[in-house]
Amino acid sequence: GSNEPNVFTFGALMSACARARNADKAVKLLNAMESKFGVKPNAVVYGSAISACERNFPPRHMKAIELLHQACDNPAINVSPALFNTAM
């Protein structure tokens, strides 16, 4: 098997960022996924990144909305009502 990170690796990392309330790390990871590792984010990854922004102290609402727009603009991502709820 390969030791390269995949979308599940990033999903787990992003979830940890959300639990740690670390929006900065979540956004950096999201940006590095494709540019550095060639891994395309999915709705779960975006949801966790948005959650990290909302749970950050202080909350980063505008960044969460910006990430939601990015997800909506990506035709490969199945944007669900849950993703919108996360950004609220």
PDB file of N, CA and C in Angstrom:
ATOM      1  N   GLY A   1       0.812  -1.197   0.000  1.00  0.00           N
ATOM      2  CA  GLY A   1       0.000   0.000   0.000  1.00  0.00           C
ATOM      3  C   GLY A   1       0.850   1.253   0.000  1.00  0.00           C
ATOM      4  N   SER A   2       0.218   2.326  -0.252  1.00  0.00           N
ATOM      5  CA  SER A   2       0.896   3.618  -0.350  1.00  0.00           C
ATOM      6  C   SER A   2       0.856   4.355   0.982  1.00  0.00           C
ATOM      7  N   ASN A   3       1.908   5.100   1.236  1.00  0.00           N
ATOM      8  CA  ASN A   3       1.954   5.930   2.440  1.00  0.00           C
ATOM      9  C   ASN A   3       1.539   7.368   2.161  1.00  0.00           C
ATOM     10  N   GLU A   4       1.030   7.599   0.957  1.00  0.00           N
ATOM     11  CA  GLU A   4       0.583   8.945   0.594  1.00  0.00           C
ATOM     12  C   GLU A   4      -0.728   9.261   1.295  1.00  0.00           C
ATOM     13  N   PRO A   5      -0.887  10.510   1.758  1.00  0.00           N
ATOM     14  CA  PRO A   5      -2.171  10.870   2.377  1.00  0.00           C
ATOM     15  C   PRO A   5      -3.293  10.864   1.350  1.00  0.00           C
ATOM     16  N   ASN A   6      -4.495  10.512   1.804  1.00  0.00           N
ATOM     17  CA  ASN A   6      -5.662  10.527   0.926  1.00  0.00           C
ATOM     18  C   ASN A   6      -6.764  11.362   1.588  1.00  0.00           C
ATOM     19  N   VAL A   7      -7.932  11.369   0.984  1.00  0.00           N
ATOM     20  CA  VAL A   7      -9.017  12.207   1.495  1.00  0.00           C
ATOM     21  C   VAL A   7      -9.421  11.776   2.913  1.00  0.00           C
ATOM     22  N   PHE A   8      -9.262  10.494   3.232  1.00  0.00           N
ATOM     23  CA  PHE A   8      -9.607  10.013   4.571  1.00  0.00           C
ATOM     24  C   PHE A   8      -8.596  10.505   5.610  1.00  0.00           C
ATOM     25  N   THR A   9      -7.326  10.552   5.209  1.00  0.00           N
ATOM     26  CA  THR A   9      -6.280  11.100   6.081  1.00  0.00           C
ATOM     27  C   THR A   9      -6.612  12.545   6.423  1.00  0.00           C
ATOM     28  N   PHE A  10      -6.936  13.307   5.390  1.00  0.00           N
ATOM     29  CA  PHE A  10      -7.248  14.719   5.611  1.00  0.00           C
ATOM     30  C   PHE A  10      -8.559  14.896   6.368  1.00  0.00           C
ATOM     31  N   GLY A  11      -9.510  13.992   6.144  1.00  0.00           N
ATOM     32  CA  GLY A  11     -10.763  14.043   6.896  1.00  0.00           C
ATOM     33  C   GLY A  11     -10.512  13.893   8.388  1.00  0.00           C
ATOM     34  N   ALA A  12      -9.640  12.945   8.739  1.00  0.00           N
ATOM     35  CA  ALA A  12      -9.309  12.721  10.152  1.00  0.00           C
ATOM     36  C   ALA A  12      -8.568  13.918  10.736  1.00  0.00           C
ATOM     37  N   LEU A  13      -7.616  14.454   9.981  1.00  0.00           N
ATOM     38  CA  LEU A  13      -6.874  15.628  10.452  1.00  0.00           C
ATOM     39  C   LEU A  13      -7.796  16.833  10.628  1.00  0.00           C
ATOM     40  N   MET A  14      -8.698  17.010   9.669  1.00  0.00           N
ATOM     41  CA  MET A  14      -9.622  18.143   9.724  1.00  0.00           C
ATOM     42  C   MET A  14     -10.572  18.006  10.907  1.00  0.00           C
ATOM     43  N   SER A  15     -11.008  16.787  11.176  1.00  0.00           N
ATOM     44  CA  SER A  15     -11.872  16.530  12.320  1.00  0.00           C
ATOM     45  C   SER A  15     -11.144  16.867  13.624  1.00  0.00           C
ATOM     46  N   ALA A  16      -9.866  16.527  13.691  1.00  0.00           N
ATOM     47  CA  ALA A  16      -9.061  16.864  14.876  1.00  0.00           C
ATOM     48  C   ALA A  16      -8.947  18.378  15.029  1.00  0.00           C
ATOM     49  N   CYS A  17      -8.799  19.087  13.918  1.00  0.00           N
ATOM     50  CA  CYS A  17      -8.742  20.562  13.967  1.00  0.00           C
ATOM     51  C   CYS A  17     -10.050  21.127  14.503  1.00  0.00           C
ATOM     52  N   ALA A  18     -11.163  20.549  14.073  1.00  0.00           N
ATOM     53  CA  ALA A  18     -12.472  21.023  14.534  1.00  0.00           C
ATOM     54  C   ALA A  18     -12.622  20.792  16.037  1.00  0.00           C
ATOM     55  N   ARG A  19     -12.225  19.595  16.497  1.00  0.00           N
ATOM     56  CA  ARG A  19     -12.319  19.293  17.935  1.00  0.00           C
ATOM     57  C   ARG A  19     -11.404  20.197  18.751  1.00  0.00           C
ATOM     58  N   ALA A  20     -10.247  20.552  18.165  1.00  0.00           N
ATOM     59  CA  ALA A  20      -9.284  21.424  18.850  1.00  0.00           C
ATOM     60  C   ALA A  20      -9.633  22.902  18.678  1.00  0.00           C
ATOM     61  N   ARG A  21     -10.697  23.185  17.920  1.00  0.00           N
ATOM     62  CA  ARG A  21     -11.141  24.565  17.658  1.00  0.00           C
ATOM     63  C   ARG A  21     -10.047  25.400  16.987  1.00  0.00           C
ATOM     64  N   ASN A  22      -9.320  24.763  16.067  1.00  0.00           N
ATOM     65  CA  ASN A  22      -8.181  25.410  15.423  1.00  0.00           C
ATOM     66  C   ASN A  22      -8.476  25.701  13.950  1.00  0.00           C
ATOM     67  N   ALA A  23      -9.071  26.868  13.703  1.00  0.00           N
ATOM     68  CA  ALA A  23      -9.441  27.249  12.341  1.00  0.00           C
ATOM     69  C   ALA A  23      -8.222  27.473  11.461  1.00  0.00           C
ATOM     70  N   ASP A  24      -7.188  28.097  12.008  1.00  0.00           N
ATOM     71  CA  ASP A  24      -5.995  28.390  11.196  1.00  0.00           C
ATOM     72  C   ASP A  24      -5.381  27.116  10.632  1.00  0.00           C
ATOM     73  N   LYS A  25      -5.230  26.107  11.468  1.00  0.00           N
ATOM     74  CA  LYS A  25      -4.639  24.837  11.026  1.00  0.00           C
ATOM     75  C   LYS A  25      -5.557  24.159   9.999  1.00  0.00           C
ATOM     76  N   ALA A  26      -6.866  24.226  10.221  1.00  0.00           N
ATOM     77  CA  ALA A  26      -7.816  23.612   9.299  1.00  0.00           C
ATOM     78  C   ALA A  26      -7.725  24.252   7.909  1.00  0.00           C
ATOM     79  N   VAL A  27      -7.663  25.572   7.875  1.00  0.00           N
ATOM     80  CA  VAL A  27      -7.589  26.285   6.589  1.00  0.00           C
ATOM     81  C   VAL A  27      -6.263  25.985   5.897  1.00  0.00           C
ATOM     82  N   LYS A  28      -5.174  25.939   6.650  1.00  0.00           N
ATOM     83  CA  LYS A  28      -3.869  25.607   6.058  1.00  0.00           C
ATOM     84  C   LYS A  28      -3.892  24.196   5.464  1.00  0.00           C
ATOM     85  N   LEU A  29      -4.477  23.258   6.198  1.00  0.00           N
ATOM     86  CA  LEU A  29      -4.579  21.884   5.690  1.00  0.00           C
ATOM     87  C   LEU A  29      -5.415  21.816   4.420  1.00  0.00           C
ATOM     88  N   LEU A  30      -6.542  22.515   4.434  1.00  0.00           N
ATOM     89  CA  LEU A  30      -7.421  22.522   3.263  1.00  0.00           C
ATOM     90  C   LEU A  30      -6.684  23.062   2.045  1.00  0.00           C
ATOM     91  N   ASN A  31      -5.927  24.133   2.240  1.00  0.00           N
ATOM     92  CA  ASN A  31      -5.173  24.720   1.131  1.00  0.00           C
ATOM     93  C   ASN A  31      -4.047  23.806   0.649  1.00  0.00           C
ATOM     94  N   ALA A  32      -3.432  23.064   1.581  1.00  0.00           N
ATOM     95  CA  ALA A  32      -2.310  22.187   1.213  1.00  0.00           C
ATOM     96  C   ALA A  32      -2.771  20.886   0.553  1.00  0.00           C
ATOM     97  N   MET A  33      -4.002  20.484   0.821  1.00  0.00           N
ATOM     98  CA  MET A  33      -4.488  19.204   0.296  1.00  0.00           C
ATOM     99  C   MET A  33      -4.241  19.045  -1.197  1.00  0.00           C
ATOM    100  N   GLU A  34      -4.759  19.987  -1.959  1.00  0.00           N
ATOM    101  CA  GLU A  34      -4.632  19.893  -3.417  1.00  0.00           C
ATOM    102  C   GLU A  34      -3.293  20.408  -3.893  1.00  0.00           C
ATOM    103  N   SER A  35      -2.876  21.575  -3.369  1.00  0.00           N
ATOM    104  CA  SER A  35      -1.666  22.207  -3.894  1.00  0.00           C
ATOM    105  C   SER A  35      -0.411  21.383  -3.605  1.00  0.00           C
ATOM    106  N   LYS A  36      -0.333  20.787  -2.423  1.00  0.00           N
ATOM    107  CA  LYS A  36       0.877  20.082  -2.021  1.00  0.00           C
ATOM    108  C   LYS A  36       0.781  18.571  -2.199  1.00  0.00           C
ATOM    109  N   PHE A  37      -0.427  18.019  -2.008  1.00  0.00           N
ATOM    110  CA  PHE A  37      -0.581  16.563  -2.010  1.00  0.00           C
ATOM    111  C   PHE A  37      -1.457  16.030  -3.141  1.00  0.00           C
ATOM    112  N   GLY A  38      -2.114  16.928  -3.892  1.00  0.00           N
ATOM    113  CA  GLY A  38      -2.939  16.496  -5.007  1.00  0.00           C
ATOM    114  C   GLY A  38      -4.191  15.742  -4.591  1.00  0.00           C
ATOM    115  N   VAL A  39      -4.655  15.981  -3.366  1.00  0.00           N
ATOM    116  CA  VAL A  39      -5.857  15.311  -2.857  1.00  0.00           C
ATOM    117  C   VAL A  39      -7.017  16.294  -2.909  1.00  0.00           C
ATOM    118  N   LYS A  40      -8.102  15.896  -3.559  1.00  0.00           N
ATOM    119  CA  LYS A  40      -9.267  16.777  -3.680  1.00  0.00           C
ATOM    120  C   LYS A  40     -10.139  16.659  -2.430  1.00  0.00           C
ATOM    121  N   PRO A  41     -10.483  17.806  -1.819  1.00  0.00           N
ATOM    122  CA  PRO A  41     -11.346  17.747  -0.629  1.00  0.00           C
ATOM    123  C   PRO A  41     -12.761  17.320  -1.001  1.00  0.00           C
ATOM    124  N   ASN A  42     -13.429  16.658  -0.059  1.00  0.00           N
ATOM    125  CA  ASN A  42     -14.822  16.279  -0.264  1.00  0.00           C
ATOM    126  C   ASN A  42     -15.699  17.049   0.730  1.00  0.00           C
ATOM    127  N   ALA A  43     -16.986  16.745   0.742  1.00  0.00           N
ATOM    128  CA  ALA A  43     -17.923  17.468   1.608  1.00  0.00           C
ATOM    129  C   ALA A  43     -17.591  17.268   3.090  1.00  0.00           C
ATOM    130  N   VAL A  44     -17.107  16.084   3.453  1.00  0.00           N
ATOM    131  CA  VAL A  44     -16.758  15.816   4.850  1.00  0.00           C
ATOM    132  C   VAL A  44     -15.591  16.706   5.283  1.00  0.00           C
ATOM    133  N   VAL A  45     -14.591  16.817   4.435  1.00  0.00           N
ATOM    134  CA  VAL A  45     -13.425  17.653   4.737  1.00  0.00           C
ATOM    135  C   VAL A  45     -13.852  19.113   4.872  1.00  0.00           C
ATOM    136  N   TYR A  46     -14.656  19.583   3.918  1.00  0.00           N
ATOM    137  CA  TYR A  46     -15.143  20.966   4.009  1.00  0.00           C
ATOM    138  C   TYR A  46     -15.981  21.171   5.267  1.00  0.00           C
ATOM    139  N   GLY A  47     -16.836  20.196   5.583  1.00  0.00           N
ATOM    140  CA  GLY A  47     -17.676  20.312   6.774  1.00  0.00           C
ATOM    141  C   GLY A  47     -16.854  20.442   8.041  1.00  0.00           C
ATOM    142  N   SER A  48     -15.799  19.654   8.141  1.00  0.00           N
ATOM    143  CA  SER A  48     -14.934  19.726   9.324  1.00  0.00           C
ATOM    144  C   SER A  48     -14.161  21.040   9.364  1.00  0.00           C
ATOM    145  N   ALA A  49     -13.718  21.523   8.213  1.00  0.00           N
ATOM    146  CA  ALA A  49     -13.011  22.810   8.168  1.00  0.00           C
ATOM    147  C   ALA A  49     -13.948  23.942   8.591  1.00  0.00           C
ATOM    148  N   ILE A  50     -15.189  23.891   8.104  1.00  0.00           N
ATOM    149  CA  ILE A  50     -16.187  24.897   8.470  1.00  0.00           C
ATOM    150  C   ILE A  50     -16.474  24.810   9.966  1.00  0.00           C
ATOM    151  N   SER A  51     -16.583  23.600  10.469  1.00  0.00           N
ATOM    152  CA  SER A  51     -16.825  23.398  11.898  1.00  0.00           C
ATOM    153  C   SER A  51     -15.674  23.964  12.729  1.00  0.00           C
ATOM    154  N   ALA A  52     -14.448  23.771  12.274  1.00  0.00           N
ATOM    155  CA  ALA A  52     -13.287  24.324  12.981  1.00  0.00           C
ATOM    156  C   ALA A  52     -13.378  25.846  13.054  1.00  0.00           C
ATOM    157  N   CYS A  53     -13.833  26.464  11.971  1.00  0.00           N
ATOM    158  CA  CYS A  53     -13.984  27.926  11.956  1.00  0.00           C
ATOM    159  C   CYS A  53     -15.067  28.377  12.936  1.00  0.00           C
ATOM    160  N   GLU A  54     -16.169  27.641  12.963  1.00  0.00           N
ATOM    161  CA  GLU A  54     -17.275  28.003  13.849  1.00  0.00           C
ATOM    162  C   GLU A  54     -16.934  27.776  15.322  1.00  0.00           C
ATOM    163  N   ARG A  55     -16.104  26.761  15.593  1.00  0.00           N
ATOM    164  CA  ARG A  55     -15.761  26.422  16.973  1.00  0.00           C
ATOM    165  C   ARG A  55     -14.536  27.174  17.478  1.00  0.00           C
ATOM    166  N   ASN A  56     -13.830  27.844  16.564  1.00  0.00           N
ATOM    167  CA  ASN A  56     -12.651  28.621  16.938  1.00  0.00           C
ATOM    168  C   ASN A  56     -13.031  29.668  17.980  1.00  0.00           C
ATOM    169  N   PHE A  57     -12.076  30.071  18.792  1.00  0.00           N
ATOM    170  CA  PHE A  57     -12.336  31.159  19.743  1.00  0.00           C
ATOM    171  C   PHE A  57     -11.387  32.294  19.449  1.00  0.00           C
ATOM    172  N   PRO A  58     -11.903  33.449  18.974  1.00  0.00           N
ATOM    173  CA  PRO A  58     -13.321  33.690  18.683  1.00  0.00           C
ATOM    174  C   PRO A  58     -13.728  33.008  17.373  1.00  0.00           C
ATOM    175  N   PRO A  59     -15.025  32.769  17.188  1.00  0.00           N
ATOM    176  CA  PRO A  59     -15.499  32.118  15.958  1.00  0.00           C
ATOM    177  C   PRO A  59     -15.099  32.901  14.705  1.00  0.00           C
ATOM    178  N   ARG A  60     -14.805  32.173  13.639  1.00  0.00           N
ATOM    179  CA  ARG A  60     -14.410  32.788  12.364  1.00  0.00           C
ATOM    180  C   ARG A  60     -15.551  32.592  11.370  1.00  0.00           C
ATOM    181  N   HIS A  61     -16.678  33.275  11.619  1.00  0.00           N
ATOM    182  CA  HIS A  61     -17.878  33.089  10.803  1.00  0.00           C
ATOM    183  C   HIS A  61     -17.650  33.417   9.333  1.00  0.00           C
ATOM    184  N   MET A  62     -16.939  34.507   9.055  1.00  0.00           N
ATOM    185  CA  MET A  62     -16.744  34.910   7.651  1.00  0.00           C
ATOM    186  C   MET A  62     -15.900  33.869   6.907  1.00  0.00           C
ATOM    187  N   LYS A  63     -14.909  33.293   7.569  1.00  0.00           N
ATOM    188  CA  LYS A  63     -14.089  32.257   6.940  1.00  0.00           C
ATOM    189  C   LYS A  63     -14.941  31.013   6.687  1.00  0.00           C
ATOM    190  N   ALA A  64     -15.834  30.691   7.632  1.00  0.00           N
ATOM    191  CA  ALA A  64     -16.725  29.538   7.449  1.00  0.00           C
ATOM    192  C   ALA A  64     -17.607  29.729   6.217  1.00  0.00           C
ATOM    193  N   ILE A  65     -18.159  30.925   6.062  1.00  0.00           N
ATOM    194  CA  ILE A  65     -19.008  31.226   4.900  1.00  0.00           C
ATOM    195  C   ILE A  65     -18.183  31.172   3.616  1.00  0.00           C
ATOM    196  N   GLU A  66     -16.955  31.677   3.675  1.00  0.00           N
ATOM    197  CA  GLU A  66     -16.067  31.626   2.509  1.00  0.00           C
ATOM    198  C   GLU A  66     -15.800  30.170   2.098  1.00  0.00           C
ATOM    199  N   LEU A  67     -15.561  29.304   3.077  1.00  0.00           N
ATOM    200  CA  LEU A  67     -15.333  27.889   2.773  1.00  0.00           C
ATOM    201  C   LEU A  67     -16.592  27.232   2.217  1.00  0.00           C
ATOM    202  N   LEU A  68     -17.743  27.623   2.731  1.00  0.00           N
ATOM    203  CA  LEU A  68     -19.002  27.097   2.208  1.00  0.00           C
ATOM    204  C   LEU A  68     -19.165  27.497   0.740  1.00  0.00           C
ATOM    205  N   HIS A  69     -18.837  28.740   0.412  1.00  0.00           N
ATOM    206  CA  HIS A  69     -18.897  29.186  -0.995  1.00  0.00           C
ATOM    207  C   HIS A  69     -17.940  28.375  -1.867  1.00  0.00           C
ATOM    208  N   GLN A  70     -16.728  28.113  -1.358  1.00  0.00           N
ATOM    209  CA  GLN A  70     -15.764  27.294  -2.110  1.00  0.00           C
ATOM    210  C   GLN A  70     -16.353  25.921  -2.402  1.00  0.00           C
ATOM    211  N   ALA A  71     -16.961  25.310  -1.391  1.00  0.00           N
ATOM    212  CA  ALA A  71     -17.551  23.984  -1.567  1.00  0.00           C
ATOM    213  C   ALA A  71     -18.686  24.036  -2.594  1.00  0.00           C
ATOM    214  N   CYS A  72     -19.511  25.065  -2.501  1.00  0.00           N
ATOM    215  CA  CYS A  72     -20.648  25.205  -3.432  1.00  0.00           C
ATOM    216  C   CYS A  72     -20.177  25.434  -4.866  1.00  0.00           C
ATOM    217  N   ASP A  73     -19.033  26.108  -5.018  1.00  0.00           N
ATOM    218  CA  ASP A  73     -18.506  26.403  -6.349  1.00  0.00           C
ATOM    219  C   ASP A  73     -17.800  25.202  -6.975  1.00  0.00           C
ATOM    220  N   ASN A  74     -17.577  24.150  -6.199  1.00  0.00           N
ATOM    221  CA  ASN A  74     -16.880  22.973  -6.688  1.00  0.00           C
ATOM    222  C   ASN A  74     -17.913  21.919  -7.111  1.00  0.00           C
ATOM    223  N   PRO A  75     -18.055  21.682  -8.424  1.00  0.00           N
ATOM    224  CA  PRO A  75     -19.083  20.751  -8.906  1.00  0.00           C
ATOM    225  C   PRO A  75     -18.860  19.311  -8.434  1.00  0.00           C
ATOM    226  N   ALA A  76     -17.650  18.974  -8.007  1.00  0.00           N
ATOM    227  CA  ALA A  76     -17.360  17.604  -7.564  1.00  0.00           C
ATOM    228  C   ALA A  76     -17.851  17.345  -6.138  1.00  0.00           C
ATOM    229  N   ILE A  77     -18.256  18.410  -5.437  1.00  0.00           N
ATOM    230  CA  ILE A  77     -18.680  18.256  -4.051  1.00  0.00           C
ATOM    231  C   ILE A  77     -20.197  18.258  -3.963  1.00  0.00           C
ATOM    232  N   ASN A  78     -20.713  17.219  -3.323  1.00  0.00           N
ATOM    233  CA  ASN A  78     -22.149  17.101  -3.107  1.00  0.00           C
ATOM    234  C   ASN A  78     -22.495  17.903  -1.860  1.00  0.00           C
ATOM    235  N   VAL A  79     -22.943  19.137  -2.061  1.00  0.00           N
ATOM    236  CA  VAL A  79     -23.252  20.026  -0.943  1.00  0.00           C
ATOM    237  C   VAL A  79     -24.629  19.661  -0.395  1.00  0.00           C
ATOM    238  N   SER A  80     -24.640  19.245   0.860  1.00  0.00           N
ATOM    239  CA  SER A  80     -25.878  18.816   1.505  1.00  0.00           C
ATOM    240  C   SER A  80     -26.380  19.895   2.453  1.00  0.00           C
ATOM    241  N   PRO A  81     -27.635  19.793   2.870  1.00  0.00           N
ATOM    242  CA  PRO A  81     -28.142  20.735   3.885  1.00  0.00           C
ATOM    243  C   PRO A  81     -27.297  20.725   5.161  1.00  0.00           C
ATOM    244  N   ALA A  82     -26.721  19.572   5.491  1.00  0.00           N
ATOM    245  CA  ALA A  82     -25.878  19.482   6.692  1.00  0.00           C
ATOM    246  C   ALA A  82     -24.682  20.422   6.605  1.00  0.00           C
ATOM    247  N   LEU A  83     -24.134  20.574   5.397  1.00  0.00           N
ATOM    248  CA  LEU A  83     -22.993  21.470   5.219  1.00  0.00           C
ATOM    249  C   LEU A  83     -23.408  22.916   5.483  1.00  0.00           C
ATOM    250  N   PHE A  84     -24.598  23.285   5.033  1.00  0.00           N
ATOM    251  CA  PHE A  84     -25.108  24.625   5.301  1.00  0.00           C
ATOM    252  C   PHE A  84     -25.350  24.826   6.793  1.00  0.00           C
ATOM    253  N   ASN A  85     -25.898  23.794   7.436  1.00  0.00           N
ATOM    254  CA  ASN A  85     -26.152  23.881   8.881  1.00  0.00           C
ATOM    255  C   ASN A  85     -24.864  24.070   9.664  1.00  0.00           C
ATOM    256  N   THR A  86     -23.784  23.426   9.226  1.00  0.00           N
ATOM    257  CA  THR A  86     -22.494  23.552   9.892  1.00  0.00           C
ATOM    258  C   THR A  86     -22.017  24.998   9.849  1.00  0.00           C
ATOM    259  N   ALA A  87     -22.298  25.688   8.741  1.00  0.00           N
ATOM    260  CA  ALA A  87     -21.826  27.062   8.577  1.00  0.00           C
ATOM    261  C   ALA A  87     -22.692  28.091   9.310  1.00  0.00           C
ATOM    262  N   MET A  88     -23.804  27.657   9.846  1.00  0.00           N
ATOM    263  CA  MET A  88     -24.701  28.604  10.515  1.00  0.00           C
ATOM    264  C   MET A  88     -24.323  28.836  11.953  1.00  0.00           C
TER     265      MET A  88
END
